[in-house]
Protein backbone atom coordinates (compact mmCIF):
# COMPACT_ATOMS: atom_id res chain seq x y z
CA MET A 1 19.02 -3.08 0.76
CA ALA A 2 19.34 -0.97 3.89
CA LEU A 3 17.35 2.04 5.10
CA ALA A 4 19.03 4.71 7.18
CA ARG A 5 17.74 7.54 9.31
CA ALA A 6 19.96 10.11 10.99
CA GLY A 7 23.03 8.18 9.89
CA ARG A 8 21.90 4.86 11.38
CA VAL A 9 20.63 1.77 9.60
CA ILE A 10 17.06 1.19 10.76
CA ALA A 11 16.05 -1.70 8.48
CA ARG A 12 17.64 -4.23 6.15
CA GLY A 13 16.08 -6.63 3.69
CA THR A 14 14.74 -7.02 0.18
CA GLN A 15 12.06 -4.68 -1.13
CA GLU A 16 9.52 -7.48 -0.63
CA GLU A 17 10.58 -7.98 2.99
CA LEU A 18 10.56 -4.28 3.79
CA THR A 19 7.16 -3.56 2.20
CA ARG A 20 5.41 -6.82 3.16
CA ASP A 21 3.18 -5.29 5.86
CA LEU A 22 2.37 -2.08 4.01
CA PRO A 23 -0.93 -1.75 2.16
CA GLY A 24 -1.06 -1.60 -1.60
CA GLU A 25 -4.16 -0.51 -3.46
CA LEU A 26 -7.01 -2.37 -5.13
CA HIS A 27 -8.60 -0.39 -7.98
CA VAL A 28 -11.75 -1.79 -9.55
CA THR A 29 -13.87 -0.35 -12.33
CA PHE A 30 -17.31 -1.80 -12.90
CA ALA A 31 -19.23 -2.87 -16.01
CA ASP A 32 -22.15 -0.65 -14.90
CA PRO A 33 -21.09 2.96 -15.52
CA ALA A 34 -23.48 4.08 -12.77
CA VAL A 35 -21.32 2.31 -10.17
CA PRO A 36 -18.33 4.46 -9.20
CA ASP A 37 -14.78 3.11 -9.32
CA LEU A 38 -13.48 1.58 -6.12
CA ARG A 39 -10.01 2.40 -4.79
CA THR A 40 -9.13 0.88 -1.46
CA PRO A 41 -5.94 0.20 0.48
CA THR A 42 -5.32 -3.50 0.97
CA THR A 43 -2.77 -5.91 2.37
CA ASP A 44 -4.73 -8.88 0.93
CA PRO A 45 -6.03 -7.97 -2.53
CA GLY A 46 -7.18 -11.52 -3.32
CA ALA A 47 -9.45 -11.70 -0.29
CA ASP A 48 -10.75 -8.18 -0.85
CA LEU A 49 -11.52 -8.92 -4.49
CA ALA A 50 -13.23 -12.21 -3.57
CA ALA A 51 -15.43 -10.34 -1.07
CA LEU A 52 -16.30 -7.79 -3.73
CA LEU A 53 -17.24 -10.51 -6.23
CA THR A 54 -19.63 -12.11 -3.74
CA SER A 55 -21.46 -8.77 -3.53
CA GLY A 56 -22.77 -9.37 -7.05
CA ARG A 57 -21.11 -6.40 -8.74
CA THR A 58 -19.40 -7.18 -12.05
CA PRO A 59 -15.92 -5.69 -12.43
CA ALA A 60 -14.81 -4.46 -15.84
CA SER A 61 -11.19 -4.17 -14.77
CA VAL A 62 -9.08 -4.87 -11.71
CA ASP A 63 -5.69 -3.37 -10.91
CA VAL A 64 -3.57 -4.21 -7.89
CA ARG A 65 -0.79 -1.83 -6.94
CA ARG A 66 1.77 -3.38 -4.63
CA PRO A 67 3.44 -1.18 -2.02
CA SER A 68 6.53 0.59 -3.31
CA LEU A 69 9.69 1.95 -1.75
CA ASP A 70 8.02 5.38 -1.83
CA ASP A 71 5.23 3.94 0.35
CA LEU A 72 7.88 2.58 2.71
CA TYR A 73 9.64 5.95 3.00
CA ARG A 74 6.29 7.72 3.59
CA SER A 75 5.41 5.21 6.32
CA LEU A 76 8.77 5.81 8.00
CA GLU A 77 8.30 9.58 7.76
CA THR A 78 5.00 9.36 9.65
CA THR A 79 6.69 7.39 12.46
CA VAL A 80 9.61 9.77 13.00
CA PRO A 81 9.37 11.49 16.40
CA GLU A 82 9.19 15.30 16.34
CA SER A 83 12.64 15.55 17.95
CA ASP A 84 14.13 13.78 14.89
CA HIS A 85 12.46 16.31 12.56
CA ALA A 86 13.97 19.21 14.48
CA ALA A 87 17.46 17.74 14.13
CA ALA A 88 17.12 17.29 10.34
C-alpha cells in the first residue's frame, strides 16, 4: 500500500505498519450503571485496561477499536502545511 499527497508517495507499507503509532480507542462499560462509560484513545489497550482493572471498577464490556486507514488519513490531514492546502 502507498499513500500519496500532491502526486508524491509519502508512505509505503501494510495497514498495520502505517497505523502502528496511531491511537485506537478503548471503550469500557461498567457493571454499575451509575458509572459512566469510558472512551479513551490508546496506543496500548492492554496496559490501559490493566490499569483500569486495578482501580477496582468492574467492567461489563470492553471494546478495542484499532486505528483505521481513515484515522491515518485524518492524521496526515492535520500535518499538511497551509501552503499545501492552498495548492489543492
